[in-house]
PDB file of N, CA and C in Angstrom:
ATOM      1  N   MET A   1      -9.131 111.245 159.488  1.00  0.00           N
ATOM      2  CA  MET A   1      -8.964 110.827 160.824  1.00  0.00           C
ATOM      3  C   MET A   1      -8.050 109.847 160.651  1.00  0.00           C
ATOM      4  N   LYS A   2      -7.121 109.697 162.057  1.00  0.00           N
ATOM      5  CA  LYS A   2      -6.127 108.608 161.732  1.00  0.00           C
ATOM      6  C   LYS A   2      -6.530 107.273 162.523  1.00  0.00           C
ATOM      7  N   LYS A   3      -5.850 106.138 161.932  1.00  0.00           N
ATOM      8  CA  LYS A   3      -6.511 104.765 162.149  1.00  0.00           C
ATOM      9  C   LYS A   3      -5.073 104.123 162.072  1.00  0.00           C
ATOM     10  N   GLU A   4      -4.940 102.963 162.899  1.00  0.00           N
ATOM     11  CA  GLU A   4      -3.759 101.752 162.807  1.00  0.00           C
ATOM     12  C   GLU A   4      -4.518 100.933 162.276  1.00  0.00           C
ATOM     13  N   ILE A   5      -4.208 100.330 160.831  1.00  0.00           N
ATOM     14  CA  ILE A   5      -4.728  99.252 160.478  1.00  0.00           C
ATOM     15  C   ILE A   5      -3.274  98.156 159.992  1.00  0.00           C
ATOM     16  N   ALA A   6      -3.771  96.774 160.293  1.00  0.00           N
ATOM     17  CA  ALA A   6      -2.412  95.955 160.120  1.00  0.00           C
ATOM     18  C   ALA A   6      -1.104  96.560 160.664  1.00  0.00           C
ATOM     19  N   GLY A   7      -1.122  96.826 161.980  1.00  0.00           N
ATOM     20  CA  GLY A   7      -0.257  97.610 162.682  1.00  0.00           C
ATOM     21  C   GLY A   7       0.549  98.684 161.788  1.00  0.00           C
ATOM     22  N   ILE A   8      -0.304  99.436 160.902  1.00  0.00           N
ATOM     23  CA  ILE A   8       0.286 100.676 160.031  1.00  0.00           C
ATOM     24  C   ILE A   8      -0.634 102.046 160.050  1.00  0.00           C
ATOM     25  N   PRO A   9       0.091 103.188 160.841  1.00  0.00           N
ATOM     26  CA  PRO A   9      -0.838 104.247 161.093  1.00  0.00           C
ATOM     27  C   PRO A   9      -1.296 104.745 159.536  1.00  0.00           C
ATOM     28  N   VAL A  10      -2.533 104.856 159.418  1.00  0.00           N
ATOM     29  CA  VAL A  10      -2.958 105.449 158.064  1.00  0.00           C
ATOM     30  C   VAL A  10      -3.719 106.477 158.243  1.00  0.00           C
ATOM     31  N   GLU A  11      -4.332 107.122 157.378  1.00  0.00           N
ATOM     32  CA  GLU A  11      -5.003 108.450 157.449  1.00  0.00           C
ATOM     33  C   GLU A  11      -6.190 108.207 156.403  1.00  0.00           C
ATOM     34  N   LEU A  12      -7.436 108.225 157.308  1.00  0.00           N
ATOM     35  CA  LEU A  12      -8.570 108.134 156.421  1.00  0.00           C
ATOM     36  C   LEU A  12      -9.575 109.214 156.088  1.00  0.00           C
ATOM     37  N   SER A  13     -10.869 108.897 154.983  1.00  0.00           N
ATOM     38  CA  SER A  13     -11.392 110.059 154.882  1.00  0.00           C
ATOM     39  C   SER A  13     -12.471 109.915 155.913  1.00  0.00           C
ATOM     40  N   GLU A  14     -13.648 110.774 155.826  1.00  0.00           N
ATOM     41  CA  GLU A  14     -14.740 110.742 156.630  1.00  0.00           C
ATOM     42  C   GLU A  14     -15.467 109.514 156.465  1.00  0.00           C
ATOM     43  N   ASP A  15     -15.438 108.979 155.251  1.00  0.00           N
ATOM     44  CA  ASP A  15     -16.196 107.838 154.515  1.00  0.00           C
ATOM     45  C   ASP A  15     -15.457 106.160 155.152  1.00  0.00           C
ATOM     46  N   GLY A  16     -14.115 106.776 155.444  1.00  0.00           N
ATOM     47  CA  GLY A  16     -13.099 105.260 155.929  1.00  0.00           C
ATOM     48  C   GLY A  16     -12.249 104.835 154.689  1.00  0.00           C
ATOM     49  N   TYR A  17     -12.291 105.633 153.809  1.00  0.00           N
ATOM     50  CA  TYR A  17     -11.339 105.178 152.946  1.00  0.00           C
ATOM     51  C   TYR A  17     -10.242 105.788 153.274  1.00  0.00           C
ATOM     52  N   LEU A  18      -8.725 105.127 152.493  1.00  0.00           N
ATOM     53  CA  LEU A  18      -7.421 105.788 152.751  1.00  0.00           C
ATOM     54  C   LEU A  18      -7.566 106.926 152.013  1.00  0.00           C
ATOM     55  N   SER A  19      -6.857 107.961 152.711  1.00  0.00           N
ATOM     56  CA  SER A  19      -6.732 109.388 152.097  1.00  0.00           C
ATOM     57  C   SER A  19      -5.934 109.324 151.041  1.00  0.00           C
ATOM     58  N   ASP A  20      -4.562 108.553 151.125  1.00  0.00           N
ATOM     59  CA  ASP A  20      -3.443 108.382 150.333  1.00  0.00           C
ATOM     60  C   ASP A  20      -3.264 107.079 149.635  1.00  0.00           C
ATOM     61  N   ALA A  21      -3.730 106.772 148.800  1.00  0.00           N
ATOM     62  CA  ALA A  21      -3.808 105.346 148.183  1.00  0.00           C
ATOM     63  C   ALA A  21      -2.222 104.968 148.093  1.00  0.00           C
ATOM     64  N   GLY A  22      -1.361 105.829 148.419  1.00  0.00           N
ATOM     65  CA  GLY A  22       0.209 105.389 148.470  1.00  0.00           C
ATOM     66  C   GLY A  22       0.195 104.778 149.610  1.00  0.00           C
ATOM     67  N   GLN A  23      -0.708 104.649 150.582  1.00  0.00           N
ATOM     68  CA  GLN A  23      -0.165 103.945 151.904  1.00  0.00           C
ATOM     69  C   GLN A  23      -0.687 102.472 152.082  1.00  0.00           C
ATOM     70  N   TRP A  24      -1.341 102.307 150.971  1.00  0.00           N
ATOM     71  CA  TRP A  24      -2.120 100.982 150.675  1.00  0.00           C
ATOM     72  C   TRP A  24      -0.797  99.658 150.480  1.00  0.00           C
ATOM     73  N   ASN A  25      -1.028  98.525 151.004  1.00  0.00           N
ATOM     74  CA  ASN A  25      -0.345  97.314 150.988  1.00  0.00           C
ATOM     75  C   ASN A  25      -1.477  96.089 150.975  1.00  0.00           C
ATOM     76  N   ARG A  26      -1.058  94.983 150.856  1.00  0.00           N
ATOM     77  CA  ARG A  26      -1.847  93.742 150.877  1.00  0.00           C
ATOM     78  C   ARG A  26      -1.974  93.562 152.320  1.00  0.00           C
ATOM     79  N   GLU A  27      -1.622  93.716 153.593  1.00  0.00           N
ATOM     80  CA  GLU A  27      -1.665  93.422 154.522  1.00  0.00           C
ATOM     81  C   GLU A  27      -3.146  94.607 154.906  1.00  0.00           C
ATOM     82  N   ILE A  28      -2.835  95.798 154.626  1.00  0.00           N
ATOM     83  CA  ILE A  28      -3.860  96.705 154.823  1.00  0.00           C
ATOM     84  C   ILE A  28      -5.285  96.182 154.160  1.00  0.00           C
ATOM     85  N   ALA A  29      -5.038  95.797 153.064  1.00  0.00           N
ATOM     86  CA  ALA A  29      -6.075  95.081 152.635  1.00  0.00           C
ATOM     87  C   ALA A  29      -6.789  94.153 152.792  1.00  0.00           C
ATOM     88  N   THR A  30      -6.137  93.132 153.382  1.00  0.00           N
ATOM     89  CA  THR A  30      -6.605  91.962 154.160  1.00  0.00           C
ATOM     90  C   THR A  30      -7.613  92.383 155.264  1.00  0.00           C
ATOM     91  N   ALA A  31      -6.824  93.375 156.099  1.00  0.00           N
ATOM     92  CA  ALA A  31      -7.490  93.729 157.274  1.00  0.00           C
ATOM     93  C   ALA A  31      -8.756  94.547 157.140  1.00  0.00           C
ATOM     94  N   LEU A  32      -8.752  95.418 155.787  1.00  0.00           N
ATOM     95  CA  LEU A  32     -10.142  96.138 155.731  1.00  0.00           C
ATOM     96  C   LEU A  32     -11.070  95.499 154.970  1.00  0.00           C
ATOM     97  N   ALA A  33     -10.729  94.476 154.461  1.00  0.00           N
ATOM     98  CA  ALA A  33     -11.770  92.930 153.935  1.00  0.00           C
ATOM     99  C   ALA A  33     -12.174  92.499 155.132  1.00  0.00           C
ATOM    100  N   GLY A  34     -11.559  92.244 156.372  1.00  0.00           N
ATOM    101  CA  GLY A  34     -12.054  91.426 157.209  1.00  0.00           C
ATOM    102  C   GLY A  34     -13.196  92.709 158.158  1.00  0.00           C
ATOM    103  N   GLU A  35     -12.956  94.062 158.313  1.00  0.00           N
ATOM    104  CA  GLU A  35     -13.684  94.906 158.778  1.00  0.00           C
ATOM    105  C   GLU A  35     -14.912  94.822 157.785  1.00  0.00           C
ATOM    106  N   GLU A  36     -15.005  94.764 156.428  1.00  0.00           N
ATOM    107  CA  GLU A  36     -15.966  94.575 155.699  1.00  0.00           C
ATOM    108  C   GLU A  36     -16.839  93.276 155.601  1.00  0.00           C
ATOM    109  N   GLY A  37     -16.329  92.234 156.471  1.00  0.00           N
ATOM    110  CA  GLY A  37     -17.071  90.755 156.572  1.00  0.00           C
ATOM    111  C   GLY A  37     -16.233  89.855 155.583  1.00  0.00           C
ATOM    112  N   ILE A  38     -15.296  90.386 155.059  1.00  0.00           N
ATOM    113  CA  ILE A  38     -14.705  89.151 153.997  1.00  0.00           C
ATOM    114  C   ILE A  38     -13.495  88.648 154.903  1.00  0.00           C
ATOM    115  N   ASP A  39     -13.482  87.489 154.963  1.00  0.00           N
ATOM    116  CA  ASP A  39     -12.809  86.862 155.754  1.00  0.00           C
ATOM    117  C   ASP A  39     -11.417  86.429 155.177  1.00  0.00           C
ATOM    118  N   THR A  40     -11.292  86.004 153.875  1.00  0.00           N
ATOM    119  CA  THR A  40     -10.369  85.680 152.622  1.00  0.00           C
ATOM    120  C   THR A  40     -10.487  86.445 151.823  1.00  0.00           C
ATOM    121  N   LEU A  41      -9.425  86.827 151.003  1.00  0.00           N
ATOM    122  CA  LEU A  41      -9.217  87.442 149.713  1.00  0.00           C
ATOM    123  C   LEU A  41      -8.489  86.476 148.881  1.00  0.00           C
ATOM    124  N   THR A  42      -9.632  85.805 147.980  1.00  0.00           N
ATOM    125  CA  THR A  42      -9.068  84.672 147.107  1.00  0.00           C
ATOM    126  C   THR A  42      -8.299  85.473 146.115  1.00  0.00           C
ATOM    127  N   PRO A  43      -7.565  84.574 144.924  1.00  0.00           N
ATOM    128  CA  PRO A  43      -7.202  85.354 143.923  1.00  0.00           C
ATOM    129  C   PRO A  43      -8.136  86.009 143.101  1.00  0.00           C
ATOM    130  N   GLU A  44      -9.524  85.855 142.902  1.00  0.00           N
ATOM    131  CA  GLU A  44     -10.547  86.590 142.473  1.00  0.00           C
ATOM    132  C   GLU A  44     -10.614  87.738 142.917  1.00  0.00           C
ATOM    133  N   HIS A  45     -10.714  87.947 144.390  1.00  0.00           N
ATOM    134  CA  HIS A  45     -10.992  89.030 144.686  1.00  0.00           C
ATOM    135  C   HIS A  45      -9.628  90.106 144.503  1.00  0.00           C
ATOM    136  N   TRP A  46      -8.479  89.669 144.514  1.00  0.00           N
ATOM    137  CA  TRP A  46      -7.097  90.242 144.067  1.00  0.00           C
ATOM    138  C   TRP A  46      -7.182  90.594 142.693  1.00  0.00           C
ATOM    139  N   LYS A  47      -7.730  89.667 141.947  1.00  0.00           N
ATOM    140  CA  LYS A  47      -7.795  90.421 140.420  1.00  0.00           C
ATOM    141  C   LYS A  47      -8.893  91.471 140.213  1.00  0.00           C
ATOM    142  N   VAL A  48      -9.633  91.747 141.183  1.00  0.00           N
ATOM    143  CA  VAL A  48     -10.610  93.072 141.226  1.00  0.00           C
ATOM    144  C   VAL A  48      -9.830  94.107 141.867  1.00  0.00           C
ATOM    145  N   ILE A  49      -9.328  93.701 142.883  1.00  0.00           N
ATOM    146  CA  ILE A  49      -8.337  94.858 143.678  1.00  0.00           C
ATOM    147  C   ILE A  49      -7.580  95.381 142.721  1.00  0.00           C
ATOM    148  N   ASP A  50      -6.631  94.605 142.222  1.00  0.00           N
ATOM    149  CA  ASP A  50      -5.819  94.853 141.105  1.00  0.00           C
ATOM    150  C   ASP A  50      -5.766  95.857 139.911  1.00  0.00           C
ATOM    151  N   TYR A  51      -7.112  95.523 139.229  1.00  0.00           N
ATOM    152  CA  TYR A  51      -7.936  96.187 138.039  1.00  0.00           C
ATOM    153  C   TYR A  51      -8.536  97.530 138.766  1.00  0.00           C
ATOM    154  N   LEU A  52      -8.950  97.476 140.138  1.00  0.00           N
ATOM    155  CA  LEU A  52      -9.591  98.885 140.678  1.00  0.00           C
ATOM    156  C   LEU A  52      -8.492  99.768 140.916  1.00  0.00           C
ATOM    157  N   ARG A  53      -7.222  99.365 141.437  1.00  0.00           N
ATOM    158  CA  ARG A  53      -6.212 100.091 141.900  1.00  0.00           C
ATOM    159  C   ARG A  53      -5.648 100.655 140.207  1.00  0.00           C
ATOM    160  N   GLN A  54      -5.221  99.798 139.290  1.00  0.00           N
ATOM    161  CA  GLN A  54      -4.816 100.032 138.051  1.00  0.00           C
ATOM    162  C   GLN A  54      -5.908 101.374 137.303  1.00  0.00           C
ATOM    163  N   SER A  55      -6.975 100.974 137.329  1.00  0.00           N
ATOM    164  CA  SER A  55      -8.148 101.709 136.767  1.00  0.00           C
ATOM    165  C   SER A  55      -7.984 103.235 137.531  1.00  0.00           C
ATOM    166  N   TYR A  56      -7.704 103.311 138.771  1.00  0.00           N
ATOM    167  CA  TYR A  56      -7.884 104.658 139.653  1.00  0.00           C
ATOM    168  C   TYR A  56      -6.402 105.442 139.351  1.00  0.00           C
ATOM    169  N   ALA A  57      -5.204 104.201 138.769  1.00  0.00           N
ATOM    170  CA  ALA A  57      -4.238 105.206 138.635  1.00  0.00           C
ATOM    171  C   ALA A  57      -4.187 105.883 137.291  1.00  0.00           C
ATOM    172  N   ASP A  58      -4.875 105.253 136.400  1.00  0.00           N
ATOM    173  CA  ASP A  58      -5.125 105.511 135.206  1.00  0.00           C
ATOM    174  C   ASP A  58      -6.425 106.445 134.935  1.00  0.00           C
ATOM    175  N   GLY A  59      -6.754 107.037 136.081  1.00  0.00           N
ATOM    176  CA  GLY A  59      -7.739 108.136 135.770  1.00  0.00           C
ATOM    177  C   GLY A  59      -9.214 107.566 135.310  1.00  0.00           C
ATOM    178  N   ILE A  60      -9.371 106.005 135.336  1.00  0.00           N
ATOM    179  CA  ILE A  60     -10.541 105.639 134.982  1.00  0.00           C
ATOM    180  C   ILE A  60     -11.391 105.876 135.859  1.00  0.00           C
ATOM    181  N   SER A  61     -12.684 106.519 135.740  1.00  0.00           N
ATOM    182  CA  SER A  61     -13.833 106.305 136.796  1.00  0.00           C
ATOM    183  C   SER A  61     -14.460 105.083 136.704  1.00  0.00           C
ATOM    184  N   LEU A  62     -14.905 104.598 137.853  1.00  0.00           N
ATOM    185  CA  LEU A  62     -15.175 103.417 138.235  1.00  0.00           C
ATOM    186  C   LEU A  62     -16.768 103.182 138.192  1.00  0.00           C
ATOM    187  N   SER A  63     -17.150 102.012 137.781  1.00  0.00           N
ATOM    188  CA  SER A  63     -18.687 101.958 138.155  1.00  0.00           C
ATOM    189  C   SER A  63     -18.986 100.226 138.178  1.00  0.00           C
ATOM    190  N   ILE A  64     -19.746  99.967 138.490  1.00  0.00           N
ATOM    191  CA  ILE A  64     -20.216  98.262 138.460  1.00  0.00           C
ATOM    192  C   ILE A  64     -20.525  98.143 136.997  1.00  0.00           C
ATOM    193  N   ARG A  65     -21.033  98.942 136.239  1.00  0.00           N
ATOM    194  CA  ARG A  65     -20.835  98.354 134.707  1.00  0.00           C
ATOM    195  C   ARG A  65     -19.643  98.165 134.433  1.00  0.00           C
ATOM    196  N   ARG A  66     -18.648  99.258 134.432  1.00  0.00           N
ATOM    197  CA  ARG A  66     -17.667  99.171 133.871  1.00  0.00           C
ATOM    198  C   ARG A  66     -16.915  97.957 134.260  1.00  0.00           C
ATOM    199  N   ILE A  67     -17.119  97.643 135.433  1.00  0.00           N
ATOM    200  CA  ILE A  67     -16.278  96.349 135.950  1.00  0.00           C
ATOM    201  C   ILE A  67     -16.853  95.111 135.262  1.00  0.00           C
ATOM    202  N   GLY A  68     -17.969  95.166 135.535  1.00  0.00           N
ATOM    203  CA  GLY A  68     -18.665  93.907 134.812  1.00  0.00           C
ATOM    204  C   GLY A  68     -18.415  93.712 133.173  1.00  0.00           C
ATOM    205  N   LYS A  69     -18.126  94.864 132.472  1.00  0.00           N
ATOM    206  CA  LYS A  69     -17.604  94.947 131.111  1.00  0.00           C
ATOM    207  C   LYS A  69     -16.147  94.850 130.993  1.00  0.00           C
ATOM    208  N   SER A  70     -15.615  94.716 131.896  1.00  0.00           N
ATOM    209  CA  SER A  70     -13.919  94.802 132.013  1.00  0.00           C
ATOM    210  C   SER A  70     -13.325  93.289 131.496  1.00  0.00           C
ATOM    211  N   GLY A  71     -13.864  92.504 132.098  1.00  0.00           N
ATOM    212  CA  GLY A  71     -13.606  90.885 131.586  1.00  0.00           C
ATOM    213  C   GLY A  71     -12.776  90.057 132.841  1.00  0.00           C
ATOM    214  N   VAL A  72     -12.838  91.277 133.969  1.00  0.00           N
ATOM    215  CA  VAL A  72     -12.324  90.527 135.297  1.00  0.00           C
ATOM    216  C   VAL A  72     -13.011  89.625 135.827  1.00  0.00           C
ATOM    217  N   VAL A  73     -14.385  90.062 135.919  1.00  0.00           N
ATOM    218  CA  VAL A  73     -15.370  89.218 136.620  1.00  0.00           C
ATOM    219  C   VAL A  73     -16.572  89.959 136.118  1.00  0.00           C
ATOM    220  N   THR A  74     -17.921  89.114 136.106  1.00  0.00           N
ATOM    221  CA  THR A  74     -19.116  89.360 135.769  1.00  0.00           C
ATOM    222  C   THR A  74     -19.654  90.439 136.807  1.00  0.00           C
ATOM    223  N   ILE A  75     -20.660  90.819 136.557  1.00  0.00           N
ATOM    224  CA  ILE A  75     -21.574  91.488 137.540  1.00  0.00           C
ATOM    225  C   ILE A  75     -21.601  90.756 138.360  1.00  0.00           C
ATOM    226  N   GLN A  76     -22.425  89.595 138.137  1.00  0.00           N
ATOM    227  CA  GLN A  76     -22.890  88.883 139.293  1.00  0.00           C
ATOM    228  C   GLN A  76     -21.834  88.268 140.078  1.00  0.00           C
ATOM    229  N   GLU A  77     -20.560  87.897 139.540  1.00  0.00           N
ATOM    230  CA  GLU A  77     -19.401  87.604 140.591  1.00  0.00           C
ATOM    231  C   GLU A  77     -18.962  88.637 141.276  1.00  0.00           C
ATOM    232  N   PHE A  78     -18.994  89.750 140.814  1.00  0.00           N
ATOM    233  CA  PHE A  78     -18.428  90.988 141.700  1.00  0.00           C
ATOM    234  C   PHE A  78     -19.385  91.162 142.954  1.00  0.00           C
ATOM    235  N   TYR A  79     -20.775  90.838 142.388  1.00  0.00           N
ATOM    236  CA  TYR A  79     -21.602  91.005 143.989  1.00  0.00           C
ATOM    237  C   TYR A  79     -21.469  89.704 144.754  1.00  0.00           C
ATOM    238  N   GLY A  80     -20.930  88.738 144.307  1.00  0.00           N
ATOM    239  CA  GLY A  80     -20.581  87.583 145.049  1.00  0.00           C
ATOM    240  C   GLY A  80     -19.709  87.813 145.973  1.00  0.00           C
ATOM    241  N   LEU A  81     -18.474  88.367 145.510  1.00  0.00           N
ATOM    242  CA  LEU A  81     -17.190  88.727 146.036  1.00  0.00           C
ATOM    243  C   LEU A  81     -16.973  89.686 147.120  1.00  0.00           C
ATOM    244  N   PHE A  82     -17.923  90.797 146.710  1.00  0.00           N
ATOM    245  CA  PHE A  82     -18.161  91.828 147.534  1.00  0.00           C
ATOM    246  C   PHE A  82     -19.516  92.120 147.816  1.00  0.00           C
ATOM    247  N   PRO A  83     -20.197  91.410 148.843  1.00  0.00           N
ATOM    248  CA  PRO A  83     -21.649  91.383 148.819  1.00  0.00           C
ATOM    249  C   PRO A  83     -22.116  92.558 149.654  1.00  0.00           C
ATOM    250  N   GLY A  84     -23.339  93.465 149.529  1.00  0.00           N
ATOM    251  CA  GLY A  84     -23.532  94.490 150.461  1.00  0.00           C
ATOM    252  C   GLY A  84     -22.883  95.743 149.939  1.00  0.00           C
ATOM    253  N   GLY A  85     -23.138  96.041 148.500  1.00  0.00           N
ATOM    254  CA  GLY A  85     -22.192  97.309 148.114  1.00  0.00           C
ATOM    255  C   GLY A  85     -21.027  96.944 147.315  1.00  0.00           C
ATOM    256  N   PRO A  86     -20.549  96.027 146.225  1.00  0.00           N
ATOM    257  CA  PRO A  86     -19.169  95.723 145.944  1.00  0.00           C
ATOM    258  C   PRO A  86     -18.519  96.956 145.560  1.00  0.00           C
ATOM    259  N   LEU A  87     -18.878  97.742 144.915  1.00  0.00           N
ATOM    260  CA  LEU A  87     -18.081  99.063 144.606  1.00  0.00           C
ATOM    261  C   LEU A  87     -17.508  99.655 145.429  1.00  0.00           C
ATOM    262  N   LYS A  88     -18.227 100.130 146.635  1.00  0.00           N
ATOM    263  CA  LYS A  88     -17.930 100.468 147.873  1.00  0.00           C
ATOM    264  C   LYS A  88     -16.654  99.603 148.710  1.00  0.00           C
ATOM    265  N   LYS A  89     -17.251  98.637 148.939  1.00  0.00           N
ATOM    266  CA  LYS A  89     -16.456  97.556 149.669  1.00  0.00           C
ATOM    267  C   LYS A  89     -14.945  97.374 148.742  1.00  0.00           C
ATOM    268  N   ALA A  90     -15.345  97.211 147.965  1.00  0.00           N
ATOM    269  CA  ALA A  90     -14.039  96.656 146.882  1.00  0.00           C
ATOM    270  C   ALA A  90     -13.009  97.757 146.803  1.00  0.00           C
ATOM    271  N   SER A  91     -13.465  99.024 146.856  1.00  0.00           N
ATOM    272  CA  SER A  91     -12.716 100.305 146.451  1.00  0.00           C
ATOM    273  C   SER A  91     -12.080 100.810 147.779  1.00  0.00           C
ATOM    274  N   ARG A  92     -12.800 100.303 148.962  1.00  0.00           N
ATOM    275  CA  ARG A  92     -12.326 100.402 149.907  1.00  0.00           C
ATOM    276  C   ARG A  92     -10.903  99.659 150.371  1.00  0.00           C
ATOM    277  N   ILE A  93     -11.129  98.347 149.899  1.00  0.00           N
ATOM    278  CA  ILE A  93     -10.135  97.315 150.523  1.00  0.00           C
ATOM    279  C   ILE A  93      -8.908  97.738 149.389  1.00  0.00           C
ATOM    280  N   ALA A  94      -9.322  98.341 148.086  1.00  0.00           N
ATOM    281  CA  ALA A  94      -8.422  98.329 147.434  1.00  0.00           C
ATOM    282  C   ALA A  94      -7.491  99.814 147.780  1.00  0.00           C
ATOM    283  N   GLY A  95      -7.829 100.388 148.763  1.00  0.00           N
ATOM    284  CA  GLY A  95      -7.064 101.539 149.236  1.00  0.00           C
ATOM    285  C   GLY A  95      -7.473 102.811 148.355  1.00  0.00           C
ATOM    286  N   ILE A  96      -8.512 102.755 147.670  1.00  0.00           N
ATOM    287  CA  ILE A  96      -9.007 103.893 146.521  1.00  0.00           C
ATOM    288  C   ILE A  96      -9.937 104.724 147.136  1.00  0.00           C
ATOM    289  N   PRO A  97     -10.119 106.028 146.612  1.00  0.00           N
ATOM    290  CA  PRO A  97     -11.231 106.779 147.554  1.00  0.00           C
ATOM    291  C   PRO A  97     -12.639 106.171 146.641  1.00  0.00           C
ATOM    292  N   LYS A  98     -13.424 106.788 147.578  1.00  0.00           N
ATOM    293  CA  LYS A  98     -14.819 106.350 147.146  1.00  0.00           C
ATOM    294  C   LYS A  98     -15.083 106.763 145.851  1.00  0.00           C
ATOM    295  N   PRO A  99     -15.587 105.765 144.783  1.00  0.00           N
ATOM    296  CA  PRO A  99     -15.872 106.410 143.529  1.00  0.00           C
ATOM    297  C   PRO A  99     -17.125 107.315 143.345  1.00  0.00           C
ATOM    298  N   ALA A 100     -17.010 107.934 142.403  1.00  0.00           N
ATOM    299  CA  ALA A 100     -18.065 108.936 142.547  1.00  0.00           C
ATOM    300  C   ALA A 100     -19.658 108.585 142.425  1.00  0.00           C
ATOM    301  N   SER A 101     -19.433 107.257 141.503  1.00  0.00           N
ATOM    302  CA  SER A 101     -20.762 106.585 141.554  1.00  0.00           C
ATOM    303  C   SER A 101     -21.508 106.065 142.633  1.00  0.00           C
ATOM    304  N   CYS A 102     -20.653 105.838 143.779  1.00  0.00           N
ATOM    305  CA  CYS A 102     -21.305 105.541 145.025  1.00  0.00           C
ATOM    306  C   CYS A 102     -22.018 106.660 145.523  1.00  0.00           C
ATOM    307  N   VAL A 103     -23.056 106.214 146.149  1.00  0.00           N
ATOM    308  CA  VAL A 103     -23.885 107.472 146.957  1.00  0.00           C
ATOM    309  C   VAL A 103     -23.314 107.125 148.174  1.00  0.00           C
TER     310      VAL A 103
END
């Protein structure tokens, strides 16, 4: 489905994730964060987002446990930054597909 986010037309999957990670930019991330109830993306949010994007680019499968072991944030911090489904929300904001570990 097509949608305009931050003034940019993008293609979304049926789950609401960007179909093409190459369409992502920081303005889209900020707009998606707002849709997820996160008003401000702090430097800690960006560290996680950058880690997710790099992991996706490197073909690494993502899980909450892997993020906790990454050294970027603890699992508790991850839940604090992206409450109510941190991996789903963070992946959507990062412009990557929904991780296989998310139901």
